[in-house]
Amino acid sequence: MSIISRTAQYALRSMTLLAIQHDRVTVKDLAQEVGAPQPYLARIIMLLADKGLVDARRGPGGGLRLARPAEEIRLIDIVSLFDGSKLFEECALGLPGCREGEHPCPIHDQWGCIREQIRTWWHDTTLAQFKPEQTLECMRERVKHLPVETPYSRGNGRWR
């Protein structure tokens, strides 16, 4: 279980790897490193590039790299592109109107505190705060055991 979508996970994995790269990386190589289908990751990268987070160039000498220093890219900048603010607004039990009603869900108050801690962490944490060797070791060891999955192809035609 994850609190963010598979798409946001692919984006975060990609950005953490780009943050520690000195040279440009191809979408193909990045897709293998993060365990994402290449065409799907290419679409994710296009959105990250459109928002000024990734510098993507075609042709000889092309490839991908961060468009800004890692110290300037917060995790919330990445996650919110794909998941919006629903993590910080929706009821943990999925009940509509929980925040506005007189009768909030049984975990409303506790979840509100946790949600604020998560929001603060996503907002205050930048890509530069991750250890390069830990990022590489984790990706290389764990990604090879993950199934490659495209959330878009699960049937409803929406990004998740």
N, C-alpha and C. Protein backbone atom coordinates (compact mmCIF):
# COMPACT_ATOMS: atom_id res chain seq x y z
N MET A 1 0.83 -1.18 0.00
CA MET A 1 0.00 0.00 0.00
C MET A 1 0.88 1.25 0.00
N SER A 2 0.44 2.24 -0.71
CA SER A 2 1.16 3.50 -0.77
C SER A 2 0.17 4.64 -0.65
N ILE A 3 0.62 5.74 -0.10
CA ILE A 3 -0.27 6.89 0.02
C ILE A 3 -0.25 7.75 -1.23
N ILE A 4 0.64 7.43 -2.18
CA ILE A 4 0.66 8.15 -3.45
C ILE A 4 0.45 7.17 -4.58
N SER A 5 0.04 7.69 -5.72
CA SER A 5 -0.26 6.85 -6.88
C SER A 5 1.00 6.22 -7.46
N ARG A 6 0.81 5.19 -8.25
CA ARG A 6 1.93 4.54 -8.93
C ARG A 6 2.65 5.55 -9.84
N THR A 7 1.89 6.40 -10.49
CA THR A 7 2.48 7.42 -11.36
C THR A 7 3.40 8.34 -10.56
N ALA A 8 2.93 8.80 -9.42
CA ALA A 8 3.76 9.67 -8.56
C ALA A 8 4.98 8.91 -8.05
N GLN A 9 4.82 7.62 -7.79
CA GLN A 9 5.96 6.80 -7.37
C GLN A 9 7.02 6.76 -8.47
N TYR A 10 6.60 6.51 -9.71
CA TYR A 10 7.55 6.49 -10.83
C TYR A 10 8.24 7.84 -10.96
N ALA A 11 7.49 8.92 -10.81
CA ALA A 11 8.06 10.26 -10.91
C ALA A 11 9.09 10.50 -9.81
N LEU A 12 8.75 10.13 -8.58
CA LEU A 12 9.69 10.31 -7.47
C LEU A 12 10.95 9.47 -7.63
N ARG A 13 10.77 8.23 -8.05
CA ARG A 13 11.94 7.37 -8.28
C ARG A 13 12.84 7.99 -9.33
N SER A 14 12.23 8.46 -10.41
CA SER A 14 13.00 9.07 -11.50
C SER A 14 13.74 10.31 -11.04
N MET A 15 13.06 11.15 -10.32
CA MET A 15 13.67 12.40 -9.88
C MET A 15 14.79 12.16 -8.86
N THR A 16 14.62 11.17 -7.99
CA THR A 16 15.70 10.89 -7.03
C THR A 16 16.94 10.38 -7.75
N LEU A 17 16.74 9.60 -8.80
CA LEU A 17 17.89 9.13 -9.58
C LEU A 17 18.52 10.26 -10.40
N LEU A 18 17.70 11.09 -11.02
CA LEU A 18 18.25 12.21 -11.78
C LEU A 18 19.03 13.16 -10.88
N ALA A 19 18.62 13.26 -9.63
CA ALA A 19 19.29 14.17 -8.69
C ALA A 19 20.73 13.75 -8.40
N ILE A 20 21.05 12.48 -8.58
CA ILE A 20 22.41 12.03 -8.27
C ILE A 20 23.25 11.76 -9.52
N GLN A 21 22.68 12.00 -10.70
CA GLN A 21 23.39 11.77 -11.95
C GLN A 21 24.21 13.00 -12.34
N HIS A 22 25.39 12.77 -12.85
CA HIS A 22 26.22 13.87 -13.34
C HIS A 22 26.03 14.06 -14.84
N ASP A 23 25.72 12.99 -15.54
CA ASP A 23 25.51 13.05 -16.98
C ASP A 23 24.03 12.89 -17.30
N ARG A 24 23.68 13.22 -18.52
CA ARG A 24 22.30 13.03 -18.97
C ARG A 24 22.01 11.53 -19.05
N VAL A 25 20.75 11.18 -18.85
CA VAL A 25 20.29 9.80 -18.84
C VAL A 25 19.19 9.66 -19.87
N THR A 26 19.13 8.54 -20.56
CA THR A 26 18.04 8.32 -21.52
C THR A 26 16.78 7.85 -20.78
N VAL A 27 15.64 8.06 -21.42
CA VAL A 27 14.38 7.58 -20.84
C VAL A 27 14.43 6.06 -20.72
N LYS A 28 15.02 5.41 -21.71
CA LYS A 28 15.12 3.94 -21.69
C LYS A 28 15.88 3.46 -20.45
N ASP A 29 17.05 4.05 -20.21
CA ASP A 29 17.85 3.65 -19.05
C ASP A 29 17.15 3.99 -17.74
N LEU A 30 16.53 5.15 -17.70
CA LEU A 30 15.83 5.56 -16.48
C LEU A 30 14.65 4.63 -16.20
N ALA A 31 13.93 4.25 -17.24
CA ALA A 31 12.78 3.33 -17.07
C ALA A 31 13.24 2.00 -16.48
N GLN A 32 14.37 1.50 -16.94
CA GLN A 32 14.90 0.25 -16.38
C GLN A 32 15.29 0.42 -14.92
N GLU A 33 15.90 1.54 -14.60
CA GLU A 33 16.35 1.79 -13.23
C GLU A 33 15.20 1.94 -12.24
N VAL A 34 14.09 2.53 -12.70
CA VAL A 34 12.97 2.78 -11.78
C VAL A 34 11.88 1.72 -11.87
N GLY A 35 12.01 0.79 -12.81
CA GLY A 35 11.03 -0.28 -12.94
C GLY A 35 9.72 0.16 -13.54
N ALA A 36 9.78 1.09 -14.48
CA ALA A 36 8.57 1.62 -15.13
C ALA A 36 8.57 1.28 -16.61
N PRO A 37 7.39 1.11 -17.21
CA PRO A 37 7.34 0.92 -18.66
C PRO A 37 7.85 2.19 -19.35
N GLN A 38 8.71 2.02 -20.34
CA GLN A 38 9.34 3.16 -20.99
C GLN A 38 8.34 4.16 -21.57
N PRO A 39 7.32 3.73 -22.33
CA PRO A 39 6.38 4.71 -22.89
C PRO A 39 5.63 5.49 -21.80
N TYR A 40 5.30 4.81 -20.74
CA TYR A 40 4.58 5.46 -19.65
C TYR A 40 5.48 6.46 -18.94
N LEU A 41 6.73 6.06 -18.68
CA LEU A 41 7.66 6.97 -18.04
C LEU A 41 7.94 8.18 -18.93
N ALA A 42 7.98 7.99 -20.23
CA ALA A 42 8.20 9.11 -21.15
C ALA A 42 7.11 10.17 -20.99
N ARG A 43 5.88 9.74 -20.80
CA ARG A 43 4.77 10.68 -20.59
C ARG A 43 4.93 11.41 -19.25
N ILE A 44 5.37 10.69 -18.24
CA ILE A 44 5.60 11.31 -16.93
C ILE A 44 6.71 12.36 -17.05
N ILE A 45 7.78 12.00 -17.73
CA ILE A 45 8.90 12.91 -17.91
C ILE A 45 8.47 14.15 -18.68
N MET A 46 7.61 13.97 -19.69
CA MET A 46 7.12 15.13 -20.46
C MET A 46 6.42 16.13 -19.55
N LEU A 47 5.60 15.63 -18.63
CA LEU A 47 4.91 16.53 -17.71
C LEU A 47 5.90 17.21 -16.76
N LEU A 48 6.85 16.44 -16.25
CA LEU A 48 7.88 17.02 -15.38
C LEU A 48 8.68 18.10 -16.13
N ALA A 49 8.95 17.86 -17.41
CA ALA A 49 9.67 18.84 -18.22
C ALA A 49 8.80 20.08 -18.46
N ASP A 50 7.52 19.87 -18.76
CA ASP A 50 6.61 21.00 -18.98
C ASP A 50 6.52 21.90 -17.75
N LYS A 51 6.67 21.32 -16.58
CA LYS A 51 6.59 22.08 -15.33
C LYS A 51 7.94 22.60 -14.86
N GLY A 52 8.98 22.43 -15.69
CA GLY A 52 10.28 22.99 -15.37
C GLY A 52 11.10 22.22 -14.36
N LEU A 53 10.78 20.94 -14.17
CA LEU A 53 11.53 20.13 -13.21
C LEU A 53 12.60 19.27 -13.88
N VAL A 54 12.37 18.91 -15.14
CA VAL A 54 13.32 18.08 -15.89
C VAL A 54 13.70 18.81 -17.17
N ASP A 55 14.98 18.74 -17.50
CA ASP A 55 15.49 19.24 -18.77
C ASP A 55 15.63 18.03 -19.68
N ALA A 56 14.79 17.95 -20.70
CA ALA A 56 14.79 16.81 -21.62
C ALA A 56 15.20 17.28 -23.01
N ARG A 57 16.21 16.63 -23.57
CA ARG A 57 16.70 16.99 -24.91
C ARG A 57 16.80 15.75 -25.77
N ARG A 58 16.46 15.91 -27.03
CA ARG A 58 16.54 14.80 -27.99
C ARG A 58 17.86 14.85 -28.74
N GLY A 59 18.16 13.73 -29.38
CA GLY A 59 19.30 13.67 -30.28
C GLY A 59 20.63 13.43 -29.60
N PRO A 60 21.71 13.52 -30.39
CA PRO A 60 23.05 13.30 -29.85
C PRO A 60 23.34 14.31 -28.73
N GLY A 61 23.86 13.80 -27.64
CA GLY A 61 24.13 14.66 -26.49
C GLY A 61 22.88 14.98 -25.69
N GLY A 62 21.78 14.38 -26.08
CA GLY A 62 20.52 14.63 -25.39
C GLY A 62 20.34 13.72 -24.20
N GLY A 63 19.15 13.71 -23.69
CA GLY A 63 18.82 12.90 -22.53
C GLY A 63 18.15 13.74 -21.47
N LEU A 64 18.14 13.23 -20.27
CA LEU A 64 17.43 13.86 -19.17
C LEU A 64 18.37 14.27 -18.05
N ARG A 65 18.01 15.36 -17.41
CA ARG A 65 18.66 15.78 -16.18
C ARG A 65 17.70 16.74 -15.47
N LEU A 66 17.99 17.04 -14.22
CA LEU A 66 17.16 17.99 -13.50
C LEU A 66 17.28 19.36 -14.15
N ALA A 67 16.18 20.08 -14.21
CA ALA A 67 16.18 21.42 -14.79
C ALA A 67 16.64 22.47 -13.77
N ARG A 68 16.57 22.12 -12.51
CA ARG A 68 16.98 23.03 -11.43
C ARG A 68 17.83 22.24 -10.44
N PRO A 69 18.56 22.92 -9.59
CA PRO A 69 19.33 22.20 -8.57
C PRO A 69 18.41 21.38 -7.67
N ALA A 70 18.91 20.23 -7.23
CA ALA A 70 18.12 19.33 -6.39
C ALA A 70 17.65 20.01 -5.10
N GLU A 71 18.41 20.99 -4.62
CA GLU A 71 18.04 21.72 -3.40
C GLU A 71 16.77 22.54 -3.59
N GLU A 72 16.42 22.82 -4.84
CA GLU A 72 15.26 23.67 -5.13
C GLU A 72 14.01 22.86 -5.48
N ILE A 73 14.12 21.55 -5.54
CA ILE A 73 12.97 20.73 -5.93
C ILE A 73 12.46 19.97 -4.71
N ARG A 74 11.28 20.38 -4.26
CA ARG A 74 10.66 19.74 -3.10
C ARG A 74 9.85 18.53 -3.56
N LEU A 75 9.70 17.57 -2.68
CA LEU A 75 8.92 16.38 -3.02
C LEU A 75 7.48 16.74 -3.35
N ILE A 76 6.93 17.73 -2.67
CA ILE A 76 5.55 18.14 -2.93
C ILE A 76 5.40 18.67 -4.36
N ASP A 77 6.47 19.27 -4.91
CA ASP A 77 6.43 19.77 -6.28
C ASP A 77 6.20 18.63 -7.27
N ILE A 78 6.75 17.48 -6.95
CA ILE A 78 6.64 16.30 -7.83
C ILE A 78 5.31 15.59 -7.61
N VAL A 79 5.01 15.26 -6.38
CA VAL A 79 3.82 14.47 -6.08
C VAL A 79 2.54 15.21 -6.46
N SER A 80 2.48 16.50 -6.20
CA SER A 80 1.25 17.24 -6.48
C SER A 80 0.94 17.33 -7.97
N LEU A 81 1.94 17.19 -8.83
CA LEU A 81 1.69 17.18 -10.28
C LEU A 81 0.79 16.01 -10.68
N PHE A 82 0.93 14.91 -10.00
CA PHE A 82 0.22 13.70 -10.38
C PHE A 82 -0.95 13.36 -9.47
N ASP A 83 -0.84 13.71 -8.21
CA ASP A 83 -1.89 13.35 -7.26
C ASP A 83 -2.68 14.54 -6.74
N GLY A 84 -2.29 15.75 -7.14
CA GLY A 84 -2.98 16.92 -6.64
C GLY A 84 -2.83 17.04 -5.14
N SER A 85 -3.85 17.54 -4.50
CA SER A 85 -3.79 17.70 -3.05
C SER A 85 -4.72 16.74 -2.33
N LYS A 86 -5.21 15.72 -3.03
CA LYS A 86 -6.19 14.81 -2.44
C LYS A 86 -5.68 14.12 -1.17
N LEU A 87 -4.40 13.82 -1.13
CA LEU A 87 -3.82 13.19 0.06
C LEU A 87 -4.07 14.03 1.31
N PHE A 88 -4.07 15.35 1.12
CA PHE A 88 -4.18 16.25 2.26
C PHE A 88 -5.61 16.74 2.49
N GLU A 89 -6.53 16.28 1.68
CA GLU A 89 -7.90 16.77 1.80
C GLU A 89 -8.93 15.68 2.03
N GLU A 90 -8.70 14.50 1.50
CA GLU A 90 -9.72 13.45 1.57
C GLU A 90 -9.75 12.76 2.93
N CYS A 91 -10.91 12.26 3.24
CA CYS A 91 -11.11 11.46 4.45
C CYS A 91 -10.32 10.16 4.31
N ALA A 92 -9.66 9.74 5.37
CA ALA A 92 -8.88 8.50 5.33
C ALA A 92 -9.77 7.28 5.11
N LEU A 93 -11.03 7.39 5.46
CA LEU A 93 -11.97 6.28 5.25
C LEU A 93 -12.73 6.42 3.93
N GLY A 94 -12.44 7.51 3.19
CA GLY A 94 -13.08 7.71 1.90
C GLY A 94 -14.51 8.21 1.99
N LEU A 95 -14.89 8.78 3.12
CA LEU A 95 -16.27 9.26 3.30
C LEU A 95 -16.40 10.69 2.78
N PRO A 96 -17.40 10.95 1.95
CA PRO A 96 -17.58 12.30 1.40
C PRO A 96 -18.03 13.28 2.48
N GLY A 97 -17.54 14.51 2.39
CA GLY A 97 -17.97 15.55 3.31
C GLY A 97 -17.50 15.42 4.73
N CYS A 98 -16.54 14.58 4.99
CA CYS A 98 -16.07 14.35 6.36
C CYS A 98 -15.54 15.64 6.99
N ARG A 99 -14.87 16.45 6.23
CA ARG A 99 -14.27 17.67 6.77
C ARG A 99 -15.30 18.75 7.09
N GLU A 100 -16.40 18.77 6.32
CA GLU A 100 -17.36 19.85 6.49
C GLU A 100 -18.49 19.51 7.45
N GLY A 101 -18.79 18.26 7.61
CA GLY A 101 -19.97 17.86 8.36
C GLY A 101 -19.85 17.98 9.87
N GLU A 102 -21.01 17.91 10.52
CA GLU A 102 -21.05 17.93 11.99
C GLU A 102 -20.57 16.62 12.58
N HIS A 103 -20.62 15.57 11.80
CA HIS A 103 -20.28 14.24 12.30
C HIS A 103 -19.09 13.67 11.52
N PRO A 104 -17.89 14.08 11.88
CA PRO A 104 -16.72 13.55 11.17
C PRO A 104 -16.53 12.07 11.46
N CYS A 105 -15.74 11.43 10.62
CA CYS A 105 -15.47 10.00 10.79
C CYS A 105 -14.72 9.75 12.10
N PRO A 106 -14.68 8.50 12.56
CA PRO A 106 -14.05 8.21 13.85
C PRO A 106 -12.55 8.49 13.92
N ILE A 107 -11.87 8.58 12.79
CA ILE A 107 -10.42 8.84 12.84
C ILE A 107 -10.07 10.23 12.32
N HIS A 108 -11.08 11.07 12.15
CA HIS A 108 -10.90 12.39 11.55
C HIS A 108 -9.82 13.23 12.25
N ASP A 109 -9.93 13.37 13.55
CA ASP A 109 -8.98 14.24 14.27
C ASP A 109 -7.56 13.69 14.24
N GLN A 110 -7.42 12.38 14.46
CA GLN A 110 -6.08 11.78 14.44
C GLN A 110 -5.48 11.86 13.03
N TRP A 111 -6.28 11.56 12.02
CA TRP A 111 -5.78 11.62 10.65
C TRP A 111 -5.40 13.05 10.28
N GLY A 112 -6.14 14.02 10.77
CA GLY A 112 -5.81 15.41 10.48
C GLY A 112 -4.41 15.77 10.97
N CYS A 113 -4.05 15.31 12.15
CA CYS A 113 -2.70 15.57 12.69
C CYS A 113 -1.63 14.87 11.86
N ILE A 114 -1.89 13.63 11.52
CA ILE A 114 -0.93 12.86 10.71
C ILE A 114 -0.80 13.48 9.33
N ARG A 115 -1.93 13.85 8.75
CA ARG A 115 -1.94 14.45 7.41
C ARG A 115 -1.09 15.72 7.40
N GLU A 116 -1.18 16.54 8.43
CA GLU A 116 -0.38 17.76 8.50
C GLU A 116 1.12 17.46 8.62
N GLN A 117 1.46 16.43 9.37
CA GLN A 117 2.87 16.03 9.47
C GLN A 117 3.39 15.57 8.12
N ILE A 118 2.58 14.81 7.40
CA ILE A 118 2.98 14.34 6.07
C ILE A 118 3.13 15.52 5.12
N ARG A 119 2.16 16.43 5.14
CA ARG A 119 2.22 17.61 4.27
C ARG A 119 3.50 18.40 4.54
N THR A 120 3.81 18.60 5.81
CA THR A 120 5.02 19.35 6.17
C THR A 120 6.27 18.64 5.67
N TRP A 121 6.33 17.32 5.83
CA TRP A 121 7.50 16.57 5.37
C TRP A 121 7.65 16.67 3.86
N TRP A 122 6.56 16.45 3.10
CA TRP A 122 6.62 16.55 1.64
C TRP A 122 7.06 17.95 1.22
N HIS A 123 6.57 18.96 1.93
CA HIS A 123 6.88 20.35 1.59
C HIS A 123 8.32 20.72 1.93
N ASP A 124 8.83 20.24 3.04
CA ASP A 124 10.16 20.64 3.52
C ASP A 124 11.31 19.78 3.00
N THR A 125 11.01 18.65 2.39
CA THR A 125 12.06 17.74 1.94
C THR A 125 12.37 17.97 0.47
N THR A 126 13.67 18.11 0.16
CA THR A 126 14.09 18.30 -1.23
C THR A 126 14.85 17.07 -1.72
N LEU A 127 15.04 17.01 -3.01
CA LEU A 127 15.77 15.89 -3.60
C LEU A 127 17.21 15.83 -3.10
N ALA A 128 17.76 16.96 -2.73
CA ALA A 128 19.16 17.01 -2.28
C ALA A 128 19.36 16.33 -0.93
N GLN A 129 18.30 16.06 -0.21
CA GLN A 129 18.43 15.50 1.13
C GLN A 129 18.62 13.98 1.14
N PHE A 130 18.52 13.35 -0.01
CA PHE A 130 18.69 11.90 -0.06
C PHE A 130 20.14 11.55 -0.33
N LYS A 131 20.61 10.48 0.28
CA LYS A 131 21.99 10.04 0.12
C LYS A 131 22.13 9.32 -1.22
N PRO A 132 23.09 9.74 -2.05
CA PRO A 132 23.25 9.12 -3.37
C PRO A 132 23.48 7.62 -3.31
N GLU A 133 24.36 7.15 -2.43
CA GLU A 133 24.65 5.72 -2.38
C GLU A 133 23.43 4.92 -1.92
N GLN A 134 22.66 5.47 -1.02
CA GLN A 134 21.45 4.79 -0.56
C GLN A 134 20.42 4.72 -1.69
N THR A 135 20.29 5.80 -2.45
CA THR A 135 19.36 5.82 -3.57
C THR A 135 19.73 4.76 -4.59
N LEU A 136 20.99 4.70 -4.97
CA LEU A 136 21.43 3.72 -5.97
C LEU A 136 21.25 2.30 -5.49
N GLU A 137 21.68 2.02 -4.28
CA GLU A 137 21.58 0.66 -3.75
C GLU A 137 20.12 0.22 -3.63
N CYS A 138 19.29 1.09 -3.14
CA CYS A 138 17.87 0.77 -2.98
C CYS A 138 17.23 0.48 -4.32
N MET A 139 17.43 1.36 -5.28
CA MET A 139 16.81 1.17 -6.60
C MET A 139 17.30 -0.11 -7.26
N ARG A 140 18.58 -0.32 -7.24
CA ARG A 140 19.13 -1.50 -7.92
C ARG A 140 18.69 -2.80 -7.27
N GLU A 141 18.56 -2.80 -5.96
CA GLU A 141 18.19 -4.02 -5.26
C GLU A 141 16.69 -4.27 -5.28
N ARG A 142 15.91 -3.25 -5.06
CA ARG A 142 14.47 -3.44 -4.88
C ARG A 142 13.67 -3.38 -6.17
N VAL A 143 14.06 -2.54 -7.10
CA VAL A 143 13.29 -2.37 -8.33
C VAL A 143 13.27 -3.64 -9.16
N LYS A 144 14.34 -4.41 -9.13
CA LYS A 144 14.38 -5.63 -9.94
C LYS A 144 13.34 -6.66 -9.51
N HIS A 145 12.78 -6.50 -8.32
CA HIS A 145 11.77 -7.44 -7.81
C HIS A 145 10.34 -6.94 -8.02
N LEU A 146 10.20 -5.74 -8.57
CA LEU A 146 8.86 -5.18 -8.75
C LEU A 146 8.28 -5.55 -10.10
N PRO A 147 6.97 -5.79 -10.16
CA PRO A 147 6.34 -5.98 -11.47
C PRO A 147 6.24 -4.62 -12.17
N VAL A 148 6.48 -4.61 -13.47
CA VAL A 148 6.34 -3.37 -14.23
C VAL A 148 4.86 -3.21 -14.54
N GLU A 149 4.31 -2.10 -14.08
CA GLU A 149 2.87 -1.90 -14.18
C GLU A 149 2.58 -0.50 -14.68
N THR A 150 1.61 -0.40 -15.56
CA THR A 150 1.17 0.88 -16.07
C THR A 150 -0.20 1.18 -15.49
N PRO A 151 -0.30 2.10 -14.55
CA PRO A 151 -1.60 2.40 -13.96
C PRO A 151 -2.62 2.84 -14.99
N TYR A 152 -2.18 3.52 -16.04
CA TYR A 152 -3.10 4.01 -17.07
C TYR A 152 -3.80 2.87 -17.79
N SER A 153 -3.15 1.73 -17.88
CA SER A 153 -3.70 0.61 -18.64
C SER A 153 -4.60 -0.30 -17.81
N ARG A 154 -4.90 0.10 -16.59
CA ARG A 154 -5.73 -0.74 -15.74
C ARG A 154 -7.21 -0.70 -16.08
N GLY A 155 -7.59 0.13 -17.03
CA GLY A 155 -8.96 0.01 -17.47
C GLY A 155 -9.81 1.25 -17.45
N ASN A 156 -9.52 2.25 -16.64
CA ASN A 156 -10.44 3.36 -16.61
C ASN A 156 -9.95 4.56 -17.42
N GLY A 157 -8.78 4.46 -18.04
CA GLY A 157 -8.31 5.51 -18.92
C GLY A 157 -7.82 6.77 -18.23
N ARG A 158 -7.59 6.72 -16.93
CA ARG A 158 -7.10 7.88 -16.20
C ARG A 158 -5.74 7.58 -15.59
N TRP A 159 -4.98 8.64 -15.38
CA TRP A 159 -3.72 8.50 -14.64
C TRP A 159 -4.08 8.25 -13.20
N ARG A 160 -3.31 7.41 -12.55
CA ARG A 160 -3.53 7.18 -11.12
C ARG A 160 -2.26 7.40 -10.37
